[in-house]
């Protein structure tokens, strides 16, 4: 079974939208792990570089977050925080 899936499923009603997702964009190295491990479309790449020169992730659709915490667990630079609203 693959860890990363290219297909994103829409979140089920009632689960999504109850989470705050914060990315420390100045620390993000744009590895894309969060984008690839997230089962729903939450993250996107920025079009402008951060202080490190990378094009970091940002939270495009926080309302889709289902609180699975996979992004938090996989981020190698500890840039992501997920908390209940």
PDB file of N, CA and C in Angstrom:
ATOM      1  N   UNK A   1       0.847  -1.179   0.000  1.00  0.00           N
ATOM      2  CA  UNK A   1       0.000   0.000   0.000  1.00  0.00           C
ATOM      3  C   UNK A   1       0.892   1.243   0.000  1.00  0.00           C
ATOM      4  N   UNK A   2       0.624   2.146  -0.902  1.00  0.00           N
ATOM      5  CA  UNK A   2       1.430   3.353  -1.033  1.00  0.00           C
ATOM      6  C   UNK A   2       1.129   4.340   0.094  1.00  0.00           C
ATOM      7  N   UNK A   3       2.168   4.988   0.592  1.00  0.00           N
ATOM      8  CA  UNK A   3       1.990   5.997   1.630  1.00  0.00           C
ATOM      9  C   UNK A   3       1.409   7.271   1.045  1.00  0.00           C
ATOM     10  N   UNK A   4       1.921   7.661  -0.121  1.00  0.00           N
ATOM     11  CA  UNK A   4       1.456   8.883  -0.760  1.00  0.00           C
ATOM     12  C   UNK A   4       0.464   8.549  -1.861  1.00  0.00           C
ATOM     13  N   UNK A   5      -0.638   9.252  -1.884  1.00  0.00           N
ATOM     14  CA  UNK A   5      -1.653   9.064  -2.918  1.00  0.00           C
ATOM     15  C   UNK A   5      -1.847  10.367  -3.672  1.00  0.00           C
ATOM     16  N   UNK A   6      -1.938  10.270  -4.977  1.00  0.00           N
ATOM     17  CA  UNK A   6      -2.120  11.477  -5.785  1.00  0.00           C
ATOM     18  C   UNK A   6      -3.565  11.932  -5.813  1.00  0.00           C
ATOM     19  N   UNK A   7      -4.492  11.018  -5.586  1.00  0.00           N
ATOM     20  CA  UNK A   7      -5.904  11.394  -5.597  1.00  0.00           C
ATOM     21  C   UNK A   7      -6.325  11.938  -4.239  1.00  0.00           C
ATOM     22  N   UNK A   8      -7.086  12.998  -4.254  1.00  0.00           N
ATOM     23  CA  UNK A   8      -7.591  13.603  -3.026  1.00  0.00           C
ATOM     24  C   UNK A   8      -9.104  13.427  -3.003  1.00  0.00           C
ATOM     25  N   UNK A   9      -9.614  13.031  -1.874  1.00  0.00           N
ATOM     26  CA  UNK A   9     -11.058  12.844  -1.733  1.00  0.00           C
ATOM     27  C   UNK A   9     -11.656  14.024  -0.995  1.00  0.00           C
ATOM     28  N   UNK A  10     -12.871  14.409  -1.351  1.00  0.00           N
ATOM     29  CA  UNK A  10     -13.510  15.490  -0.598  1.00  0.00           C
ATOM     30  C   UNK A  10     -13.826  15.022   0.824  1.00  0.00           C
ATOM     31  N   UNK A  11     -13.691  15.907   1.802  1.00  0.00           N
ATOM     32  CA  UNK A  11     -13.963  15.503   3.189  1.00  0.00           C
ATOM     33  C   UNK A  11     -15.441  15.209   3.412  1.00  0.00           C
ATOM     34  N   UNK A  12     -15.710  14.299   4.340  1.00  0.00           N
ATOM     35  CA  UNK A  12     -17.094  13.989   4.687  1.00  0.00           C
ATOM     36  C   UNK A  12     -17.681  15.116   5.518  1.00  0.00           C
ATOM     37  N   UNK A  13     -18.940  15.351   5.333  1.00  0.00           N
ATOM     38  CA  UNK A  13     -19.629  16.399   6.092  1.00  0.00           C
ATOM     39  C   UNK A  13     -19.618  16.058   7.581  1.00  0.00           C
ATOM     40  N   UNK A  14     -19.414  17.072   8.407  1.00  0.00           N
ATOM     41  CA  UNK A  14     -19.430  16.888   9.847  1.00  0.00           C
ATOM     42  C   UNK A  14     -18.057  16.706  10.463  1.00  0.00           C
ATOM     43  N   UNK A  15     -17.085  16.248   9.677  1.00  0.00           N
ATOM     44  CA  UNK A  15     -15.737  16.031  10.200  1.00  0.00           C
ATOM     45  C   UNK A  15     -14.848  17.236   9.907  1.00  0.00           C
ATOM     46  N   UNK A  16     -14.932  17.734   8.693  1.00  0.00           N
ATOM     47  CA  UNK A  16     -14.046  18.809   8.244  1.00  0.00           C
ATOM     48  C   UNK A  16     -14.438  20.153   8.845  1.00  0.00           C
ATOM     49  N   UNK A  17     -13.451  21.056   8.863  1.00  0.00           N
ATOM     50  CA  UNK A  17     -13.708  22.423   9.295  1.00  0.00           C
ATOM     51  C   UNK A  17     -13.611  22.666  10.788  1.00  0.00           C
ATOM     52  N   UNK A  18     -13.195  21.685  11.551  1.00  0.00           N
ATOM     53  CA  UNK A  18     -13.111  21.831  13.007  1.00  0.00           C
ATOM     54  C   UNK A  18     -11.664  21.966  13.487  1.00  0.00           C
ATOM     55  N   UNK A  19     -10.739  22.244  12.555  1.00  0.00           N
ATOM     56  CA  UNK A  19      -9.319  22.232  12.880  1.00  0.00           C
ATOM     57  C   UNK A  19      -8.628  23.488  12.378  1.00  0.00           C
ATOM     58  N   UNK A  20      -7.684  23.983  13.169  1.00  0.00           N
ATOM     59  CA  UNK A  20      -6.807  25.068  12.761  1.00  0.00           C
ATOM     60  C   UNK A  20      -5.501  24.435  12.293  1.00  0.00           C
ATOM     61  N   UNK A  21      -5.078  24.781  11.094  1.00  0.00           N
ATOM     62  CA  UNK A  21      -3.829  24.271  10.544  1.00  0.00           C
ATOM     63  C   UNK A  21      -2.914  25.467  10.311  1.00  0.00           C
ATOM     64  N   UNK A  22      -1.726  25.423  10.922  1.00  0.00           N
ATOM     65  CA  UNK A  22      -0.777  26.524  10.815  1.00  0.00           C
ATOM     66  C   UNK A  22       0.554  25.971  10.312  1.00  0.00           C
ATOM     67  N   UNK A  23       1.121  26.638   9.304  1.00  0.00           N
ATOM     68  CA  UNK A  23       2.433  26.261   8.780  1.00  0.00           C
ATOM     69  C   UNK A  23       3.410  27.397   9.038  1.00  0.00           C
ATOM     70  N   UNK A  24       4.560  27.083   9.599  1.00  0.00           N
ATOM     71  CA  UNK A  24       5.636  28.057   9.748  1.00  0.00           C
ATOM     72  C   UNK A  24       6.355  28.165   8.411  1.00  0.00           C
ATOM     73  N   UNK A  25       5.852  29.032   7.548  1.00  0.00           N
ATOM     74  CA  UNK A  25       6.352  29.102   6.176  1.00  0.00           C
ATOM     75  C   UNK A  25       7.818  29.511   6.088  1.00  0.00           C
ATOM     76  N   UNK A  26       8.324  30.244   7.067  1.00  0.00           N
ATOM     77  CA  UNK A  26       9.721  30.656   7.038  1.00  0.00           C
ATOM     78  C   UNK A  26      10.663  29.478   7.278  1.00  0.00           C
ATOM     79  N   UNK A  27      10.170  28.393   7.863  1.00  0.00           N
ATOM     80  CA  UNK A  27      10.990  27.212   8.126  1.00  0.00           C
ATOM     81  C   UNK A  27      10.775  26.115   7.087  1.00  0.00           C
ATOM     82  N   UNK A  28       9.732  26.224   6.283  1.00  0.00           N
ATOM     83  CA  UNK A  28       9.347  25.173   5.331  1.00  0.00           C
ATOM     84  C   UNK A  28      10.363  25.062   4.193  1.00  0.00           C
ATOM     85  N   UNK A  29      10.804  23.838   3.919  1.00  0.00           N
ATOM     86  CA  UNK A  29      11.749  23.573   2.839  1.00  0.00           C
ATOM     87  C   UNK A  29      11.055  23.014   1.599  1.00  0.00           C
ATOM     88  N   UNK A  30       9.738  23.060   1.575  1.00  0.00           N
ATOM     89  CA  UNK A  30       8.947  22.647   0.408  1.00  0.00           C
ATOM     90  C   UNK A  30       9.180  21.198  -0.004  1.00  0.00           C
ATOM     91  N   UNK A  31       9.311  20.313   0.976  1.00  0.00           N
ATOM     92  CA  UNK A  31       9.522  18.899   0.655  1.00  0.00           C
ATOM     93  C   UNK A  31       8.278  18.276   0.030  1.00  0.00           C
ATOM     94  N   UNK A  32       7.102  18.813   0.365  1.00  0.00           N
ATOM     95  CA  UNK A  32       5.860  18.309  -0.212  1.00  0.00           C
ATOM     96  C   UNK A  32       5.275  17.105   0.498  1.00  0.00           C
ATOM     97  N   UNK A  33       5.901  16.665   1.591  1.00  0.00           N
ATOM     98  CA  UNK A  33       5.375  15.506   2.306  1.00  0.00           C
ATOM     99  C   UNK A  33       3.951  15.746   2.785  1.00  0.00           C
ATOM    100  N   UNK A  34       3.681  16.921   3.338  1.00  0.00           N
ATOM    101  CA  UNK A  34       2.340  17.217   3.848  1.00  0.00           C
ATOM    102  C   UNK A  34       1.313  17.190   2.728  1.00  0.00           C
ATOM    103  N   UNK A  35       1.664  17.774   1.589  1.00  0.00           N
ATOM    104  CA  UNK A  35       0.769  17.798   0.433  1.00  0.00           C
ATOM    105  C   UNK A  35       0.442  16.388  -0.030  1.00  0.00           C
ATOM    106  N   UNK A  36       1.452  15.530  -0.040  1.00  0.00           N
ATOM    107  CA  UNK A  36       1.268  14.180  -0.556  1.00  0.00           C
ATOM    108  C   UNK A  36       0.610  13.220   0.430  1.00  0.00           C
ATOM    109  N   UNK A  37       0.810  13.419   1.717  1.00  0.00           N
ATOM    110  CA  UNK A  37       0.244  12.487   2.691  1.00  0.00           C
ATOM    111  C   UNK A  37      -1.191  12.859   3.073  1.00  0.00           C
ATOM    112  N   UNK A  38      -1.567  14.103   2.883  1.00  0.00           N
ATOM    113  CA  UNK A  38      -2.905  14.558   3.271  1.00  0.00           C
ATOM    114  C   UNK A  38      -3.970  13.910   2.382  1.00  0.00           C
ATOM    115  N   UNK A  39      -4.983  13.280   2.990  1.00  0.00           N
ATOM    116  CA  UNK A  39      -6.015  12.603   2.195  1.00  0.00           C
ATOM    117  C   UNK A  39      -7.030  13.554   1.561  1.00  0.00           C
ATOM    118  N   UNK A  40      -7.051  14.797   1.974  1.00  0.00           N
ATOM    119  CA  UNK A  40      -7.973  15.789   1.418  1.00  0.00           C
ATOM    120  C   UNK A  40      -7.168  17.001   0.925  1.00  0.00           C
ATOM    121  N   UNK A  41      -7.723  17.804   0.029  1.00  0.00           N
ATOM    122  CA  UNK A  41      -6.959  18.941  -0.512  1.00  0.00           C
ATOM    123  C   UNK A  41      -6.892  20.122   0.455  1.00  0.00           C
ATOM    124  N   UNK A  42      -5.835  20.179   1.255  1.00  0.00           N
ATOM    125  CA  UNK A  42      -5.645  21.254   2.229  1.00  0.00           C
ATOM    126  C   UNK A  42      -4.483  22.167   1.825  1.00  0.00           C
ATOM    127  N   UNK A  43      -3.373  21.596   1.353  1.00  0.00           N
ATOM    128  CA  UNK A  43      -2.129  22.337   1.130  1.00  0.00           C
ATOM    129  C   UNK A  43      -1.910  22.683  -0.337  1.00  0.00           C
ATOM    130  N   UNK A  44      -1.076  23.711  -0.532  1.00  0.00           N
ATOM    131  CA  UNK A  44      -0.685  24.142  -1.879  1.00  0.00           C
ATOM    132  C   UNK A  44       0.685  24.798  -1.765  1.00  0.00           C
ATOM    133  N   UNK A  45       1.450  24.820  -2.868  1.00  0.00           N
ATOM    134  CA  UNK A  45       2.738  25.506  -2.904  1.00  0.00           C
ATOM    135  C   UNK A  45       2.533  27.005  -3.093  1.00  0.00           C
ATOM    136  N   UNK A  46       3.335  27.826  -2.415  1.00  0.00           N
ATOM    137  CA  UNK A  46       3.352  29.271  -2.638  1.00  0.00           C
ATOM    138  C   UNK A  46       4.024  29.548  -3.983  1.00  0.00           C
ATOM    139  N   UNK A  47       3.729  30.701  -4.553  1.00  0.00           N
ATOM    140  CA  UNK A  47       4.357  31.088  -5.815  1.00  0.00           C
ATOM    141  C   UNK A  47       5.521  32.049  -5.604  1.00  0.00           C
ATOM    142  N   UNK A  48       5.753  32.453  -4.354  1.00  0.00           N
ATOM    143  CA  UNK A  48       6.893  33.322  -4.020  1.00  0.00           C
ATOM    144  C   UNK A  48       7.753  32.597  -2.980  1.00  0.00           C
ATOM    145  N   UNK A  49       9.069  32.762  -3.049  1.00  0.00           N
ATOM    146  CA  UNK A  49       9.948  32.048  -2.115  1.00  0.00           C
ATOM    147  C   UNK A  49       9.923  32.642  -0.709  1.00  0.00           C
ATOM    148  N   UNK A  50      10.269  31.797   0.272  1.00  0.00           N
ATOM    149  CA  UNK A  50      10.420  32.259   1.656  1.00  0.00           C
ATOM    150  C   UNK A  50      11.847  32.743   1.883  1.00  0.00           C
ATOM    151  N   UNK A  51      12.230  33.004   3.126  1.00  0.00           N
ATOM    152  CA  UNK A  51      13.570  33.511   3.446  1.00  0.00           C
ATOM    153  C   UNK A  51      14.679  32.520   3.085  1.00  0.00           C
ATOM    154  N   UNK A  52      14.335  31.243   3.036  1.00  0.00           N
ATOM    155  CA  UNK A  52      15.321  30.219   2.699  1.00  0.00           C
ATOM    156  C   UNK A  52      15.475  30.040   1.186  1.00  0.00           C
ATOM    157  N   UNK A  53      14.577  30.660   0.422  1.00  0.00           N
ATOM    158  CA  UNK A  53      14.624  30.536  -1.027  1.00  0.00           C
ATOM    159  C   UNK A  53      13.756  29.427  -1.590  1.00  0.00           C
ATOM    160  N   UNK A  54      13.033  28.738  -0.722  1.00  0.00           N
ATOM    161  CA  UNK A  54      12.132  27.668  -1.156  1.00  0.00           C
ATOM    162  C   UNK A  54      10.742  28.243  -1.399  1.00  0.00           C
ATOM    163  N   UNK A  55       9.951  27.521  -2.154  1.00  0.00           N
ATOM    164  CA  UNK A  55       8.554  27.889  -2.360  1.00  0.00           C
ATOM    165  C   UNK A  55       7.727  27.040  -1.387  1.00  0.00           C
ATOM    166  N   UNK A  56       7.425  27.588  -0.204  1.00  0.00           N
ATOM    167  CA  UNK A  56       6.844  26.781   0.874  1.00  0.00           C
ATOM    168  C   UNK A  56       5.382  26.414   0.637  1.00  0.00           C
ATOM    169  N   UNK A  57       4.933  25.506   1.460  1.00  0.00           N
ATOM    170  CA  UNK A  57       3.519  25.149   1.478  1.00  0.00           C
ATOM    171  C   UNK A  57       2.736  26.236   2.202  1.00  0.00           C
ATOM    172  N   UNK A  58       1.469  26.315   1.900  1.00  0.00           N
ATOM    173  CA  UNK A  58       0.562  27.136   2.686  1.00  0.00           C
ATOM    174  C   UNK A  58      -0.772  26.410   2.767  1.00  0.00           C
ATOM    175  N   UNK A  59      -1.582  26.814   3.715  1.00  0.00           N
ATOM    176  CA  UNK A  59      -2.879  26.180   3.934  1.00  0.00           C
ATOM    177  C   UNK A  59      -3.888  26.877   3.032  1.00  0.00           C
ATOM    178  N   UNK A  60      -4.267  26.210   1.955  1.00  0.00           N
ATOM    179  CA  UNK A  60      -5.192  26.792   0.988  1.00  0.00           C
ATOM    180  C   UNK A  60      -6.649  26.567   1.390  1.00  0.00           C
ATOM    181  N   UNK A  61      -6.949  25.369   1.874  1.00  0.00           N
ATOM    182  CA  UNK A  61      -8.332  25.027   2.226  1.00  0.00           C
ATOM    183  C   UNK A  61      -8.391  24.414   3.630  1.00  0.00           C
ATOM    184  N   UNK A  62      -8.246  25.255   4.635  1.00  0.00           N
ATOM    185  CA  UNK A  62      -8.304  24.780   6.011  1.00  0.00           C
ATOM    186  C   UNK A  62      -9.658  24.137   6.322  1.00  0.00           C
ATOM    187  N   UNK A  63     -10.687  24.589   5.646  1.00  0.00           N
ATOM    188  CA  UNK A  63     -12.029  24.052   5.891  1.00  0.00           C
ATOM    189  C   UNK A  63     -12.157  22.589   5.483  1.00  0.00           C
ATOM    190  N   UNK A  64     -11.203  22.043   4.730  1.00  0.00           N
ATOM    191  CA  UNK A  64     -11.230  20.636   4.333  1.00  0.00           C
ATOM    192  C   UNK A  64     -10.545  19.728   5.347  1.00  0.00           C
ATOM    193  N   UNK A  65      -9.768  20.285   6.263  1.00  0.00           N
ATOM    194  CA  UNK A  65      -8.990  19.483   7.207  1.00  0.00           C
ATOM    195  C   UNK A  65      -9.887  18.592   8.063  1.00  0.00           C
ATOM    196  N   UNK A  66      -9.504  17.312   8.152  1.00  0.00           N
ATOM    197  CA  UNK A  66     -10.283  16.348   8.935  1.00  0.00           C
ATOM    198  C   UNK A  66      -9.584  15.987  10.250  1.00  0.00           C
ATOM    199  N   UNK A  67      -8.438  16.625  10.526  1.00  0.00           N
ATOM    200  CA  UNK A  67      -7.753  16.405  11.797  1.00  0.00           C
ATOM    201  C   UNK A  67      -7.036  15.090  11.928  1.00  0.00           C
ATOM    202  N   UNK A  68      -6.606  14.499  10.835  1.00  0.00           N
ATOM    203  CA  UNK A  68      -5.923  13.200  10.900  1.00  0.00           C
ATOM    204  C   UNK A  68      -4.495  13.311  11.440  1.00  0.00           C
ATOM    205  N   UNK A  69      -3.923  14.516  11.402  1.00  0.00           N
ATOM    206  CA  UNK A  69      -2.592  14.807  11.935  1.00  0.00           C
ATOM    207  C   UNK A  69      -1.447  14.163  11.149  1.00  0.00           C
ATOM    208  N   UNK A  70      -1.714  13.624   9.973  1.00  0.00           N
ATOM    209  CA  UNK A  70      -0.648  13.015   9.186  1.00  0.00           C
ATOM    210  C   UNK A  70       0.397  14.043   8.766  1.00  0.00           C
ATOM    211  N   UNK A  71      -0.035  15.241   8.425  1.00  0.00           N
ATOM    212  CA  UNK A  71       0.897  16.301   8.031  1.00  0.00           C
ATOM    213  C   UNK A  71       1.804  16.683   9.197  1.00  0.00           C
ATOM    214  N   UNK A  72       1.234  16.793  10.359  1.00  0.00           N
ATOM    215  CA  UNK A  72       1.988  17.121  11.574  1.00  0.00           C
ATOM    216  C   UNK A  72       3.047  16.062  11.850  1.00  0.00           C
ATOM    217  N   UNK A  73       2.681  14.811  11.679  1.00  0.00           N
ATOM    218  CA  UNK A  73       3.581  13.706  11.984  1.00  0.00           C
ATOM    219  C   UNK A  73       4.694  13.537  10.953  1.00  0.00           C
ATOM    220  N   UNK A  74       4.431  13.884   9.695  1.00  0.00           N
ATOM    221  CA  UNK A  74       5.416  13.622   8.646  1.00  0.00           C
ATOM    222  C   UNK A  74       6.363  14.786   8.382  1.00  0.00           C
ATOM    223  N   UNK A  75       6.038  15.977   8.841  1.00  0.00           N
ATOM    224  CA  UNK A  75       6.869  17.152   8.551  1.00  0.00           C
ATOM    225  C   UNK A  75       8.250  17.002   9.207  1.00  0.00           C
ATOM    226  N   UNK A  76       9.326  16.936   8.404  1.00  0.00           N
ATOM    227  CA  UNK A  76      10.656  16.729   8.975  1.00  0.00           C
ATOM    228  C   UNK A  76      11.213  17.959   9.693  1.00  0.00           C
ATOM    229  N   UNK A  77      10.637  19.127   9.445  1.00  0.00           N
ATOM    230  CA  UNK A  77      11.140  20.355  10.048  1.00  0.00           C
ATOM    231  C   UNK A  77      10.205  20.929  11.114  1.00  0.00           C
ATOM    232  N   UNK A  78       9.190  20.184  11.497  1.00  0.00           N
ATOM    233  CA  UNK A  78       8.245  20.578  12.546  1.00  0.00           C
ATOM    234  C   UNK A  78       7.612  21.951  12.263  1.00  0.00           C
ATOM    235  N   UNK A  79       7.194  22.138  11.010  1.00  0.00           N
ATOM    236  CA  UNK A  79       6.618  23.421  10.577  1.00  0.00           C
ATOM    237  C   UNK A  79       5.111  23.487  10.745  1.00  0.00           C
ATOM    238  N   UNK A  80       4.469  22.356  10.992  1.00  0.00           N
ATOM    239  CA  UNK A  80       3.002  22.296  10.957  1.00  0.00           C
ATOM    240  C   UNK A  80       2.435  22.044  12.341  1.00  0.00           C
ATOM    241  N   UNK A  81       1.369  22.771  12.641  1.00  0.00           N
ATOM    242  CA  UNK A  81       0.634  22.557  13.892  1.00  0.00           C
ATOM    243  C   UNK A  81      -0.847  22.415  13.536  1.00  0.00           C
ATOM    244  N   UNK A  82      -1.472  21.406  14.095  1.00  0.00           N
ATOM    245  CA  UNK A  82      -2.898  21.168  13.882  1.00  0.00           C
ATOM    246  C   UNK A  82      -3.554  21.109  15.252  1.00  0.00           C
ATOM    247  N   UNK A  83      -4.592  21.917  15.447  1.00  0.00           N
ATOM    248  CA  UNK A  83      -5.274  21.960  16.737  1.00  0.00           C
ATOM    249  C   UNK A  83      -6.775  22.124  16.514  1.00  0.00           C
ATOM    250  N   UNK A  84      -7.539  21.636  17.447  1.00  0.00           N
ATOM    251  CA  UNK A  84      -8.998  21.793  17.376  1.00  0.00           C
ATOM    252  C   UNK A  84      -9.355  23.259  17.581  1.00  0.00           C
ATOM    253  N   UNK A  85     -10.380  23.718  16.869  1.00  0.00           N
ATOM    254  CA  UNK A  85     -10.820  25.101  16.990  1.00  0.00           C
ATOM    255  C   UNK A  85     -11.537  25.323  18.302  1.00  0.00           C
TER     256      UNK A  85
END
